[in-house]
Protein backbone atom coordinates (compact mmCIF):
# COMPACT_ATOMS: atom_id res chain seq x y z
CA MET A 1 43.34 62.22 27.26
CA THR A 2 46.89 61.10 27.59
CA GLU A 3 47.90 57.95 25.72
CA LEU A 4 50.88 55.71 26.38
CA PRO A 5 53.52 55.22 23.77
CA THR A 6 53.02 51.75 22.19
CA THR A 7 54.74 49.69 19.58
CA SER A 8 51.63 50.07 17.49
CA LYS A 9 54.07 51.26 14.64
CA THR A 10 55.47 47.86 14.34
CA PRO A 11 53.94 46.02 11.45
CA ILE A 12 50.94 43.88 12.06
CA TRP A 13 51.15 41.59 8.90
CA PRO A 14 53.82 39.15 10.50
CA LEU A 15 51.42 38.57 13.48
CA ALA A 16 48.52 37.96 11.18
CA LEU A 17 50.58 35.81 8.96
CA THR A 18 51.66 33.74 12.03
CA GLY A 19 48.07 33.54 13.22
CA LEU A 20 46.89 32.10 9.73
CA LEU A 21 49.77 29.68 9.67
CA ALA A 22 48.82 28.39 13.21
CA MET A 23 45.16 28.04 12.13
CA ALA A 24 46.39 26.17 8.95
CA ALA A 25 48.57 23.81 10.96
CA LEU A 26 45.60 22.81 13.10
CA LEU A 27 43.29 22.54 10.16
CA PHE A 28 45.65 19.65 8.94
CA ARG A 29 44.65 17.77 12.26
CA ALA A 30 40.90 18.20 11.52
CA GLY A 31 40.35 14.84 9.94
CA PRO A 32 38.94 13.18 13.07
CA ALA A 33 36.74 16.05 13.90
CA LEU A 34 35.37 16.32 10.31
CA GLY A 35 34.52 12.59 10.69
CA GLY A 36 32.58 13.11 13.86
CA ASP A 37 35.28 12.14 16.28
CA LEU A 38 35.64 14.65 19.25
CA ILE A 39 38.12 14.70 21.86
CA GLY A 40 36.62 14.21 25.22
CA SER A 41 33.32 13.57 26.98
CA ASP A 42 32.52 17.25 27.47
CA ASP A 43 32.93 17.83 23.73
CA MET A 44 30.53 15.00 23.06
CA MET A 45 28.06 16.12 25.34
CA ARG A 46 28.10 19.75 24.10
CA MET A 47 27.44 18.46 20.70
CA GLN A 48 24.60 16.50 21.84
CA GLN A 49 23.25 19.41 23.65
CA VAL A 50 23.45 21.41 20.42
CA ARG A 51 21.47 18.50 18.58
CA ASP A 52 18.79 18.70 21.30
CA LEU A 53 18.46 22.31 20.98
CA ILE A 54 18.08 22.10 17.16
CA ALA A 55 15.54 19.27 17.61
CA GLY A 56 13.42 21.51 19.84
CA GLN A 57 14.52 21.23 23.33
CA ARG A 58 13.82 24.40 25.25
CA TRP A 59 16.49 27.00 25.51
CA TYR A 60 16.33 27.00 29.24
CA ASP A 61 16.41 23.27 29.59
CA VAL A 62 19.91 21.93 29.40
CA ASP A 63 19.43 18.67 31.03
CA GLN A 64 20.33 15.32 29.10
CA ALA A 65 17.13 13.29 28.51
CA ARG A 66 19.28 10.29 27.56
CA LEU A 67 21.22 10.22 30.76
CA LEU A 68 18.93 8.18 32.85
CA THR A 69 20.08 8.98 36.51
CA PRO A 70 18.01 9.50 39.65
CA GLU A 71 18.64 13.16 39.26
CA GLY A 72 17.21 13.13 35.76
CA GLY A 73 20.33 13.80 33.83
CA ALA A 74 20.92 17.16 35.33
CA MET A 75 23.51 19.36 33.85
CA HIS A 76 24.84 22.82 34.71
CA TRP A 77 26.02 24.20 31.42
CA SER A 78 25.41 27.45 29.54
CA ARG A 79 23.71 27.75 26.29
CA LEU A 80 26.19 30.49 25.19
CA PRO A 81 28.78 28.07 23.62
CA ASP A 82 25.79 26.38 21.76
CA LEU A 83 24.93 29.42 19.68
CA VAL A 84 27.70 29.37 17.07
CA LEU A 85 27.73 25.58 16.75
CA ALA A 86 23.94 25.50 16.27
CA GLY A 87 24.19 28.41 13.77
CA ILE A 88 26.76 26.56 11.67
CA VAL A 89 24.84 23.32 11.72
CA LEU A 90 21.53 25.00 10.67
CA LEU A 91 23.11 27.03 7.89
CA LEU A 92 25.10 24.03 6.35
CA GLN A 93 22.77 21.28 6.99
CA PRO A 94 20.42 21.80 4.04
CA MET A 95 23.42 21.75 1.66
CA THR A 96 25.69 19.11 3.20
CA GLY A 97 23.64 16.89 5.51
CA ARG A 98 23.67 16.72 9.25
CA GLU A 99 26.76 14.81 9.86
CA MET A 100 29.02 16.83 7.44
CA ALA A 101 27.45 20.10 8.91
CA GLU A 102 28.26 18.90 12.57
CA GLY A 103 31.84 18.09 11.37
CA ILE A 104 32.42 21.67 9.73
CA ALA A 105 31.04 23.02 12.98
CA VAL A 106 33.17 21.21 15.38
CA THR A 107 36.28 22.17 13.26
CA ALA A 108 35.44 25.71 12.43
CA TRP A 109 34.45 26.91 15.91
CA PRO A 110 37.67 26.07 17.65
CA LEU A 111 39.66 27.66 14.85
CA MET A 112 37.57 30.80 15.02
CA GLN A 113 38.30 30.97 18.69
CA LEU A 114 41.96 30.26 18.01
CA GLY A 115 42.10 33.40 15.59
CA TRP A 116 40.32 35.39 18.24
CA ILE A 117 42.67 34.51 21.14
CA MET A 118 45.78 35.08 19.01
CA ALA A 119 44.50 38.50 18.02
CA ALA A 120 43.78 39.14 21.73
CA LEU A 121 47.23 37.92 22.68
CA ALA A 122 49.03 40.05 19.99
CA THR A 123 47.21 43.06 21.36
CA CYS A 124 48.31 42.44 24.96
CA LEU A 125 51.98 42.15 23.71
CA ARG A 126 51.73 45.37 21.68
CA ARG A 127 50.23 47.19 24.46
CA LEU A 128 53.00 46.05 26.85
CA ASN A 129 55.49 47.49 24.30
CA VAL A 130 56.97 44.26 23.55
CA SER A 131 59.31 44.20 20.43
CA LEU A 132 58.12 42.56 17.17
CA ALA A 133 60.38 39.65 17.81
CA GLY A 134 58.92 39.29 21.33
CA GLN A 135 55.44 39.47 19.91
CA LEU A 136 56.03 36.65 17.34
CA ALA A 137 57.58 34.62 20.08
CA GLY A 138 54.78 35.11 22.33
CA LEU A 139 52.52 33.81 19.74
CA LEU A 140 54.77 30.78 19.22
CA PHE A 141 55.07 30.16 22.87
CA PHE A 142 51.11 30.04 23.15
CA PHE A 143 50.94 27.76 20.25
CA THR A 144 53.41 25.24 21.86
CA SER A 145 51.71 25.48 25.34
CA PHE A 146 49.21 23.57 26.95
CA ALA A 147 46.52 26.20 26.36
CA LEU A 148 46.41 25.41 22.67
CA VAL A 149 44.70 22.08 23.38
CA ASN A 150 41.56 24.01 23.90
CA PHE A 151 41.38 25.28 20.27
CA THR A 152 42.11 22.16 18.36
CA PRO A 153 39.46 20.88 15.98
CA GLY A 154 36.84 18.83 17.84
CA ARG A 155 37.45 20.70 21.20
CA ILE A 156 34.06 22.42 21.56
CA ASP A 157 33.57 22.38 25.37
CA HIS A 158 33.64 25.87 27.16
CA HIS A 159 37.29 26.17 27.99
CA GLY A 160 38.43 27.87 24.86
CA LEU A 161 35.70 30.47 24.92
CA GLY A 162 36.45 31.27 28.60
CA LEU A 163 40.03 31.78 27.81
CA ALA A 164 39.28 33.96 24.78
CA LEU A 165 36.89 36.17 26.85
CA ALA A 166 39.32 36.46 29.71
CA LEU A 167 42.37 37.55 27.51
CA THR A 168 40.10 40.04 25.61
CA ALA A 169 39.21 41.55 28.96
CA PHE A 170 42.65 41.81 29.86
CA ALA A 171 43.58 43.53 26.62
CA CYS A 172 40.96 45.96 27.35
CA LEU A 173 42.44 46.67 30.73
CA LEU A 174 45.74 47.38 29.16
CA SER A 175 44.13 49.87 26.59
CA PRO A 176 46.54 52.83 26.32
CA ALA A 177 43.74 55.18 25.35
CA ARG A 178 41.57 54.01 28.37
CA THR A 179 38.46 54.50 26.26
CA PRO A 180 34.99 53.83 27.46
CA ARG A 181 34.75 51.15 24.57
CA SER A 182 37.42 49.16 26.22
CA ALA A 183 35.37 49.29 29.45
CA ILE A 184 32.18 48.09 27.79
CA VAL A 185 33.86 45.27 26.09
CA ALA A 186 35.54 44.17 29.26
CA ALA A 187 32.24 44.27 31.22
CA VAL A 188 30.58 42.13 28.50
CA CYS A 189 33.41 39.71 28.67
CA VAL A 190 33.06 39.36 32.40
CA ALA A 191 29.43 38.64 32.31
CA ALA A 192 29.80 36.17 29.45
CA MET A 193 32.75 34.49 31.54
CA ILE A 194 30.62 33.72 34.51
CA THR A 195 27.65 32.50 32.33
CA VAL A 196 29.97 30.09 30.43
CA ALA A 197 31.62 28.56 33.51
CA ILE A 198 31.85 29.26 37.10
CA GLU A 199 35.56 28.30 37.07
CA ASN A 200 36.18 31.66 35.45
CA LEU A 201 35.54 33.42 38.69
CA PRO A 202 39.21 34.14 39.57
CA ALA A 203 39.83 35.72 36.18
CA ILE A 204 36.53 37.81 36.65
CA GLY A 205 37.75 38.93 40.01
CA LEU A 206 41.15 39.80 38.58
CA ILE A 207 39.58 41.93 35.88
CA ILE A 208 37.29 43.67 38.27
CA ILE A 209 40.30 44.50 40.62
CA GLY A 210 42.40 45.56 37.79
CA PHE A 211 39.89 48.30 36.61
CA SER A 212 39.50 49.41 40.21
CA ALA A 213 43.29 49.48 40.76
CA ALA A 214 43.68 51.51 37.65
CA TRP A 215 41.51 54.20 39.13
CA ILE A 216 43.12 54.09 42.40
CA LEU A 217 46.65 54.53 40.86
CA ARG A 218 45.82 56.80 37.86
CA GLY A 219 43.10 58.92 39.30
CA GLU A 220 40.94 61.17 37.14
CA THR A 221 42.10 59.84 33.85
CA GLU A 222 40.44 56.58 34.82
CA THR A 223 37.34 57.95 36.18
CA ASN A 224 35.09 57.87 33.13
CA ARG A 225 36.35 54.33 32.18
CA LEU A 226 35.54 52.96 35.82
CA ARG A 227 32.10 54.50 35.59
CA VAL A 228 31.33 52.95 32.18
CA PHE A 229 32.85 49.65 33.27
CA GLY A 230 30.63 49.46 36.54
CA ALA A 231 27.48 50.30 34.66
CA GLY A 232 28.36 47.90 31.81
CA LEU A 233 28.99 45.13 34.42
CA ALA A 234 25.69 45.51 36.05
CA VAL A 235 23.71 45.63 32.81
CA SER A 236 25.61 42.78 31.19
CA ALA A 237 25.18 40.56 34.27
CA LEU A 238 21.41 41.27 34.28
CA ILE A 239 21.08 40.25 30.59
CA ALA A 240 23.15 37.04 31.17
CA TYR A 241 21.15 36.11 34.17
CA VAL A 242 17.85 36.55 32.30
CA PHE A 243 18.65 34.84 28.99
CA ASP A 244 21.02 32.04 29.98
CA ALA A 245 19.76 28.74 31.52
CA PRO A 246 17.66 28.17 33.66
CA GLY A 247 16.25 31.62 33.08
CA PRO A 248 14.89 34.21 35.43
CA GLY A 249 12.16 31.94 36.76
CA GLY A 250 14.34 28.85 37.16
CA ASN A 251 16.11 27.64 40.28
CA ARG A 252 19.29 29.88 40.67
CA THR A 253 20.27 28.57 44.12
CA VAL A 254 23.27 26.98 42.66
CA CYS A 255 27.04 27.36 43.04
CA ASP A 256 28.35 25.50 40.10
CA ALA A 257 26.73 27.92 37.62
CA PHE A 258 25.63 31.53 37.36
CA GLY A 259 23.51 31.45 40.51
CA GLN A 260 21.75 34.06 42.57
CA PRO A 261 24.67 34.78 44.81
CA HIS A 262 26.92 35.51 41.96
CA PHE A 263 24.37 37.69 40.26
CA ILE A 264 23.68 39.74 43.38
CA ALA A 265 27.45 40.17 43.98
CA LEU A 266 28.07 41.29 40.35
CA MET A 267 25.22 43.81 40.44
CA VAL A 268 26.56 45.31 43.77
CA ALA A 269 30.10 45.35 42.37
CA GLY A 270 28.99 47.17 39.09
CA GLY A 271 26.78 49.64 40.95
CA GLY A 272 29.45 50.27 43.58
CA LEU A 273 32.18 50.98 40.98
CA PHE A 274 29.60 53.28 39.10
CA ALA A 275 28.73 55.08 42.28
CA VAL A 276 32.29 55.77 43.42
CA ALA A 277 33.36 57.03 39.96
CA THR A 278 30.24 59.18 39.70
CA PHE A 279 30.48 60.74 43.25
CA LEU A 280 34.28 60.95 43.54
CA PRO A 281 35.12 61.86 39.99
CA GLN A 282 38.00 64.20 40.94
CA ALA A 283 39.22 62.51 44.10
CA ARG A 284 42.92 63.62 44.07
CA ASP A 285 44.11 61.52 46.84
CA TRP A 286 44.82 57.92 46.20
CA ARG A 287 43.93 57.06 49.62
CA THR A 288 40.45 58.38 49.23
CA ARG A 289 40.04 56.40 46.02
CA MET A 290 41.30 53.28 47.71
CA SER A 291 38.98 53.77 50.55
CA ALA A 292 35.92 54.16 48.17
CA VAL A 293 36.81 50.99 46.18
CA ALA A 294 37.35 49.13 49.54
CA LEU A 295 33.88 50.21 50.56
CA ALA A 296 32.29 48.91 47.32
CA GLY A 297 34.40 45.77 47.60
CA ALA A 298 33.19 45.17 51.13
CA GLY A 299 29.61 45.69 49.92
CA THR A 300 30.13 43.11 47.11
CA VAL A 301 31.54 40.51 49.70
CA LEU A 302 28.82 41.12 52.11
CA SER A 303 26.13 40.89 49.52
CA PHE A 304 27.53 37.54 48.29
CA ILE A 305 27.89 36.23 51.84
CA SER A 306 24.27 37.23 52.77
CA ALA A 307 22.87 35.79 49.41
CA ASN A 308 24.08 32.28 50.69
CA PRO A 309 21.71 30.51 53.15
CA ALA A 310 22.94 29.85 56.65
CA ASN A 311 21.16 26.32 56.85
CA PHE A 312 22.24 24.81 53.55
CA SER A 313 21.63 21.52 51.83
CA PRO A 314 22.02 19.92 48.42
CA GLU A 315 18.96 21.69 47.20
CA ASN A 316 19.91 24.90 48.89
CA PRO A 317 23.78 25.08 48.75
CA ASN A 318 26.04 27.49 50.37
CA CYS A 319 28.85 28.87 47.90
CA LEU A 320 31.23 29.70 50.68
CA THR A 321 31.85 26.15 51.36
CA ASP A 322 34.21 23.51 49.54
CA PRO A 323 32.34 23.04 46.24
CA TYR A 324 32.76 19.27 46.69
CA ALA A 325 32.15 18.97 50.25
CA ARG A 326 28.63 17.80 49.83
CA LEU A 327 29.63 14.98 47.47
CA PRO A 328 29.93 11.44 49.24
CA GLU A 329 33.33 10.44 50.29
CA GLU A 330 33.19 7.30 48.00
CA ILE A 331 32.72 9.76 44.98
CA ARG A 332 35.41 12.19 45.98
CA THR A 333 37.81 9.38 46.46
CA GLY A 334 36.78 6.98 43.83
CA TRP A 335 35.97 9.36 40.93
CA LEU A 336 36.92 13.09 41.57
CA SER A 337 40.43 12.15 42.75
CA VAL A 338 41.16 10.76 39.40
CA VAL A 339 39.54 13.39 37.17
CA SER A 340 42.41 15.08 35.46
CA GLU A 341 41.60 18.70 35.74
CA ALA A 342 40.56 18.29 39.42
CA ARG A 343 44.05 17.04 40.54
CA ALA A 344 46.36 19.08 42.75
CA LEU A 345 49.93 19.62 42.27
CA PRO A 346 51.24 16.73 44.35
CA ALA A 347 48.86 14.27 42.65
CA VAL A 348 50.07 15.44 39.19
CA PHE A 349 53.56 14.96 40.03
CA ALA A 350 52.76 11.50 41.46
CA GLY A 351 50.98 10.44 38.37
CA ASP A 352 53.14 11.93 35.61
CA PRO A 353 56.29 13.61 36.66
CA ALA A 354 57.24 14.67 33.05
CA MET A 355 53.82 16.21 32.35
CA ALA A 356 53.85 17.89 35.82
CA VAL A 357 57.26 19.67 34.77
CA TYR A 358 55.82 20.82 31.56
CA TYR A 359 52.60 22.13 33.28
CA TYR A 360 54.16 24.05 36.20
CA GLY A 361 57.60 24.64 34.79
CA PHE A 362 56.41 26.90 31.94
CA ALA A 363 53.90 28.65 34.31
CA LEU A 364 56.66 29.22 36.89
CA ALA A 365 58.90 30.70 34.20
CA GLY A 366 56.22 33.10 33.19
CA LEU A 367 55.75 34.10 36.67
CA VAL A 368 59.57 34.72 37.38
CA THR A 369 59.78 36.54 34.05
CA ALA A 370 56.85 38.72 34.69
CA ALA A 371 58.43 39.73 38.00
CA ILE A 372 61.64 40.75 36.29
CA ALA A 373 59.73 42.63 33.64
CA LEU A 374 57.92 44.51 36.35
CA ARG A 375 61.27 45.62 37.98
CA GLN A 376 62.76 46.73 34.73
CA ALA A 377 59.51 48.40 33.28
CA ALA A 378 59.31 52.04 32.79
CA PRO A 379 56.97 53.80 35.16
CA GLU A 380 54.20 54.17 32.52
CA ARG A 381 54.36 50.39 32.00
CA ARG A 382 54.43 49.10 35.45
CA PHE A 383 50.68 48.81 35.85
CA GLY A 384 50.37 46.52 32.90
CA PHE A 385 53.27 44.07 34.05
CA ALA A 386 52.06 44.31 37.61
CA ALA A 387 48.54 43.10 36.31
CA LEU A 388 50.28 40.42 34.37
CA LEU A 389 52.28 39.36 37.30
CA THR A 390 49.14 39.18 39.59
CA GLY A 391 47.30 37.15 36.94
CA LEU A 392 50.15 34.57 36.83
CA ALA A 393 50.45 34.43 40.61
CA VAL A 394 46.83 33.82 41.01
CA THR A 395 46.58 31.25 38.16
CA PHE A 396 49.69 29.43 39.41
CA LEU A 397 48.14 28.96 42.82
CA ILE A 398 44.92 27.80 41.38
CA SER A 399 46.73 25.32 39.11
CA ALA A 400 48.43 24.02 42.16
CA TRP A 401 45.22 23.47 43.89
CA GLN A 402 43.37 22.13 40.69
CA LEU A 403 45.02 21.67 37.36
CA ARG A 404 42.03 23.15 35.57
CA GLY A 405 43.87 26.54 35.91
CA ILE A 406 46.96 25.66 33.98
CA SER A 407 45.50 26.77 30.61
CA LEU A 408 45.14 30.47 31.74
CA ALA A 409 48.41 30.28 33.46
CA HIS A 410 50.20 29.22 30.28
CA LEU A 411 48.34 31.78 28.18
CA LEU A 412 49.61 34.58 30.50
CA ALA A 413 52.96 32.94 30.67
CA ALA A 414 53.37 33.28 26.97
CA ILE A 415 52.96 37.03 27.29
CA ALA A 416 55.80 37.20 29.83
CA ALA A 417 58.03 34.74 27.74
CA GLY A 418 57.42 36.81 24.68
CA TRP A 419 58.71 39.87 26.54
CA ALA A 420 61.90 38.03 27.69
CA PHE A 421 62.50 36.58 24.33
CA GLY A 422 62.08 40.08 22.68
CA LEU A 423 64.81 41.54 25.26
CA LEU A 424 67.21 38.72 24.54
CA PHE A 425 66.77 39.03 20.88
CA ASP A 426 67.37 42.72 20.87
CA HIS A 427 70.54 42.23 22.90
CA TRP A 428 71.86 39.49 20.33
CA ARG A 429 71.05 41.86 17.43
CA LYS A 430 72.98 44.62 18.85
CA ALA A 431 75.92 42.58 20.12
CA ARG A 432 76.13 39.98 17.49
CA THR A 433 78.61 37.86 19.60
CA PRO A 434 78.62 34.22 20.57
CA ARG A 435 77.84 34.94 24.15
CA ALA A 436 74.83 36.95 23.24
CA ALA A 437 73.73 34.03 20.86
CA LEU A 438 74.18 31.56 23.77
CA TYR A 439 72.26 33.78 26.11
CA LEU A 440 69.52 33.94 23.46
CA LEU A 441 69.41 30.19 22.99
CA ALA A 442 69.52 29.34 26.74
CA GLY A 443 66.93 32.08 27.61
CA ALA A 444 64.61 30.83 24.95
CA LEU A 445 64.65 27.45 26.16
CA ALA A 446 64.21 28.63 29.82
CA VAL A 447 61.06 30.55 28.98
CA SER A 448 59.64 28.44 26.22
CA PRO A 449 57.19 25.58 26.60
CA ILE A 450 59.34 23.66 24.26
CA GLY A 451 62.14 23.67 26.81
CA TRP A 452 59.88 22.50 29.60
CA GLN A 453 58.58 19.65 27.15
CA LEU A 454 61.90 17.89 26.97
CA PRO A 455 61.27 15.57 29.91
CA ARG A 456 57.92 14.84 28.39
CA SER A 457 59.31 13.99 24.98
CA LEU A 458 62.04 11.70 26.49
CA ALA A 459 59.36 9.89 28.55
CA SER A 460 57.21 9.50 25.34
CA LEU A 461 59.90 7.74 23.51
CA ASP A 462 60.19 5.26 26.34
CA GLU A 463 56.58 4.71 26.31
CA ALA A 464 56.52 4.09 22.52
CA GLU A 465 59.25 1.49 22.86
CA THR A 466 57.54 -0.43 25.64
CA GLY A 467 53.97 0.64 25.37
CA GLU A 468 51.16 -1.71 24.77
CA ALA A 469 48.30 -1.54 22.19
CA VAL A 470 45.33 0.57 23.54
CA ALA A 471 41.65 -0.28 22.73
CA ASP A 472 39.57 2.29 20.91
CA CYS A 473 36.89 3.02 23.36
CA LYS A 474 35.47 6.34 22.18
CA SER A 475 35.62 6.84 18.33
CA ARG A 476 32.67 6.78 16.01
CA GLU A 477 34.06 3.73 14.19
CA ALA A 478 34.57 1.81 17.43
CA PHE A 479 30.73 2.48 18.28
CA GLN A 480 29.49 1.55 14.99
CA ALA A 481 28.35 -2.07 15.96
CA VAL A 482 27.02 -0.82 19.24
CA ALA A 483 25.09 1.92 17.45
CA SER A 484 23.50 -0.56 15.09
CA ALA A 485 21.77 -2.35 17.92
CA PRO A 486 18.09 -1.55 18.77
CA ARG A 487 17.61 1.26 21.14
CA MET A 488 18.32 0.20 24.76
CA ILE A 489 19.42 1.33 28.08
CA ALA A 490 22.95 0.38 28.88
CA PHE A 491 24.79 0.43 32.24
CA THR A 492 27.96 2.30 31.51
CA PRO A 493 31.21 3.11 32.99
CA ILE A 494 31.37 6.84 33.82
CA ASP A 495 33.72 7.71 31.09
CA LEU A 496 31.59 5.88 28.42
CA GLY A 497 28.31 7.62 29.10
CA ALA A 498 28.88 10.68 26.92
CA PRO A 499 30.37 8.68 23.95
CA LEU A 500 27.44 6.15 24.10
CA ILE A 501 24.88 9.13 23.93
CA TYR A 502 26.87 11.04 21.31
CA HIS A 503 27.58 8.17 18.92
CA THR A 504 24.33 6.14 19.33
CA ARG A 505 20.71 6.66 20.13
CA HIS A 506 20.97 4.43 23.21
CA TYR A 507 20.56 5.64 26.91
CA ALA A 508 23.19 5.83 29.43
CA THR A 509 23.05 5.36 33.20
CA ALA A 510 26.05 7.52 34.17
CA ALA A 511 28.58 10.13 32.75
CA PRO A 512 31.13 12.32 34.52
CA TYR A 513 28.80 15.08 35.80
CA HIS A 514 28.84 15.93 39.40
CA ARG A 515 25.07 17.04 39.44
CA ASN A 516 24.37 13.16 39.16
CA PRO A 517 26.16 11.87 42.30
CA SER A 518 23.73 8.93 42.70
CA ALA A 519 24.61 7.50 39.22
CA ILE A 520 28.30 7.98 39.86
CA GLU A 521 28.03 6.31 43.20
CA MET A 522 26.09 3.39 41.87
CA THR A 523 28.62 2.88 39.09
CA LEU A 524 31.56 2.81 41.52
CA SER A 525 29.59 0.36 43.56
CA VAL A 526 28.87 -1.97 40.66
CA PHE A 527 32.33 -2.00 39.18
CA THR A 528 34.28 -2.25 42.46
CA GLY A 529 31.84 -4.26 44.32
CA PRO A 530 31.40 -8.11 44.51
CA ILE A 531 30.37 -9.79 41.28
CA ASP A 532 27.49 -11.68 42.88
CA THR A 533 25.73 -8.35 43.84
CA ALA A 534 26.52 -6.43 40.57
CA ARG A 535 23.66 -7.79 38.58
CA ARG A 536 21.10 -6.93 41.31
CA LYS A 537 22.49 -3.38 41.59
CA ILE A 538 22.48 -2.88 37.77
CA GLU A 539 18.80 -4.12 37.77
CA MET A 540 17.87 -1.27 40.11
CA THR A 541 19.05 1.23 37.33
CA GLY A 542 16.51 -0.03 34.73
CA ALA A 543 19.39 -1.21 32.36
CA ASP A 544 19.09 -4.31 30.34
CA HIS A 545 22.53 -4.10 28.87
CA LEU A 546 26.17 -3.43 30.07
CA LEU A 547 28.74 -1.54 28.08
CA TYR A 548 32.25 -2.49 28.53
CA CYS A 549 35.69 -1.41 26.82
CA PRO A 550 38.83 -3.42 27.66
CA GLY A 551 41.70 -1.35 28.83
CA LEU A 552 39.51 1.62 29.58
CA SER A 553 41.47 3.79 32.18
CA GLU A 554 38.58 3.99 34.41
CA LEU A 555 38.15 0.37 34.58
CA LYS A 556 41.67 -0.29 35.03
CA THR A 557 41.74 1.93 38.05
CA TYR A 558 38.63 0.14 39.55
CA ALA A 559 40.34 -3.32 38.95
CA LYS A 560 43.47 -2.25 40.87
CA ARG A 561 41.43 -0.82 43.67
CA ALA A 562 39.10 -3.91 43.98
CA PRO A 563 40.88 -7.01 42.62
CA ASP A 564 37.79 -9.26 43.43
CA GLY A 565 35.35 -6.80 41.85
CA LEU A 566 33.43 -6.85 38.58
CA ALA A 567 35.86 -4.60 36.63
CA ALA A 568 38.80 -6.80 37.64
CA ALA A 569 37.02 -9.86 36.32
CA LEU A 570 36.19 -8.16 33.01
CA GLU A 571 39.77 -6.86 32.76
CA ASN A 572 41.00 -10.62 33.31
CA GLY A 573 38.68 -12.01 30.62
CA GLU A 574 36.43 -13.59 33.39
CA VAL A 575 32.97 -12.60 32.03
CA PRO A 576 30.25 -13.54 34.48
CA ASP A 577 27.69 -16.09 33.01
CA TRP A 578 24.86 -13.50 33.17
CA LEU A 579 26.60 -11.42 30.57
CA THR A 580 26.05 -12.35 26.89
CA PRO A 581 27.88 -10.45 24.08
CA LEU A 582 25.33 -8.71 21.81
CA ALA A 583 27.41 -6.27 19.62
CA GLY A 584 30.73 -4.65 19.55
CA SER A 585 34.37 -5.48 19.01
CA GLU A 586 35.12 -9.29 18.71
CA ASP A 587 38.82 -8.90 19.18
CA GLY A 588 38.69 -6.81 22.33
CA SER A 589 39.96 -3.74 20.49
CA GLY A 590 36.93 -1.58 21.28
CA PRO A 591 33.49 -1.34 23.08
CA ILE A 592 31.38 -4.47 23.76
CA LEU A 593 27.81 -4.55 24.57
CA TYR A 594 26.50 -7.30 26.70
CA THR A 595 22.91 -8.43 27.22
CA ILE A 596 22.21 -9.02 30.89
CA ALA A 597 20.46 -12.10 31.89
CA TYR A 598 18.27 -11.15 35.02
CA ASP A 599 17.15 -13.86 37.44
CA ARG A 600 13.50 -13.01 37.76
CA ASN A 601 12.56 -15.95 39.94
């Protein structure tokens, strides 16, 4: 088997040292996580899911029992990300107690993923024959990109795991030895990606297309790897389908998780690739190979289409439609439109131009750089850079549609930017002229996230000078007084549902999860509706208390949208006479829990 020349002779220790320094740097920011403060609602709900699993909740049951919605606190998450967290807590809890064990778990797991993804990133850079300077720069560019936020202590949602799996599969695609082992690892990563989050589907498609394209272009040298990849894909998908929630006997007619249409399509794709590689092992004409792969692809698409019902409903969805089409218009405009990761490019620029430049500027720089790298690459390297360019193009377009794709775009951009810096550095080292140094500096700024962060940094300085104090609405300390109150049902803003459940033993009526549209719709109706009808609507939810936090972004949005609504009144300090403070911040610096006086007459 022919192997491509690589830079594997360059020393690994500088890369390992860089990775260790990066992990150490983030460890210095672990204080809040060790103390129980997590970053976002998804992180808090993930940890609560782990707690429930340890307490005896069934493996296949991922619904949140303390999220009291008409839908029963329905969730769509995978159990896979819970495993490491639960394992660490169970291991340490007898020695440290539950709280410290959880703090260590939510700190260690992101850092473990950081080490994993930096190793995968270094592997990709080496397999693309990037110089050592470029490899080190690529790691630095990743560390200063937006993708890093997914690996900071306290960030335990599924995004970091999805990125690590995607980059590992890409590194396998670039394997110079084209071994069956690389195919097996990639297939397992694909199956794990789809069970972790359905938003990984674009990356999954790119990996499957990548292995198919490798066989089309390279022929017989890729035959065995494609055969193993196809078989591994089918087997891994079956295992994931059986062992992840809701299990083989559960309702799998879903589109927001690993459902029946996705399972059937993956089985057909894996079986199809195995078949074409088995029955056409020595197909010498690339056209024949492309026709065979196209046939397997057509079968996959047709199987996915046929697995979706013609007459669909919320209980029987069709995954070929807009994933948010069945949400009521009020929810899509009142809640989904302001969810950060669901915003499109125009909305991102309209909301925060400096951040938008950072998001899309670095991704675009990576895209342009990858195109240049492909044009200059030696013939044996073109496939790898073509795969990189394709990945960047797809993730950039996804990011323009929904910002949730920007982390993967930045991760791939770091590879392309590392290649560019390595080229510029080698030019400077050989020339040693002021012009070469100027090219190196300008080029580094052009391809580095740091360069694209300058507008953001300047905007932050202005905000620091004119900014107002912001209430602490989600920390453990802020919820201490609320947590000390007797267990109750609290009517919550959408963004306070997960913190309330995580920090206290209370029940919440809403949280930012789309499988609970009735709860979200009710919350919007209460806070943006007339004050004289709000109490009656809250009573319908079974809540006897209301949770409020002054200055919460969600409530400020409601107040701006409905100046005569309940949120606007609370933000203006005009508390209705049927609300009596029970617990919480007395100076308006944190959450306040009100008792609701119902008119039972």
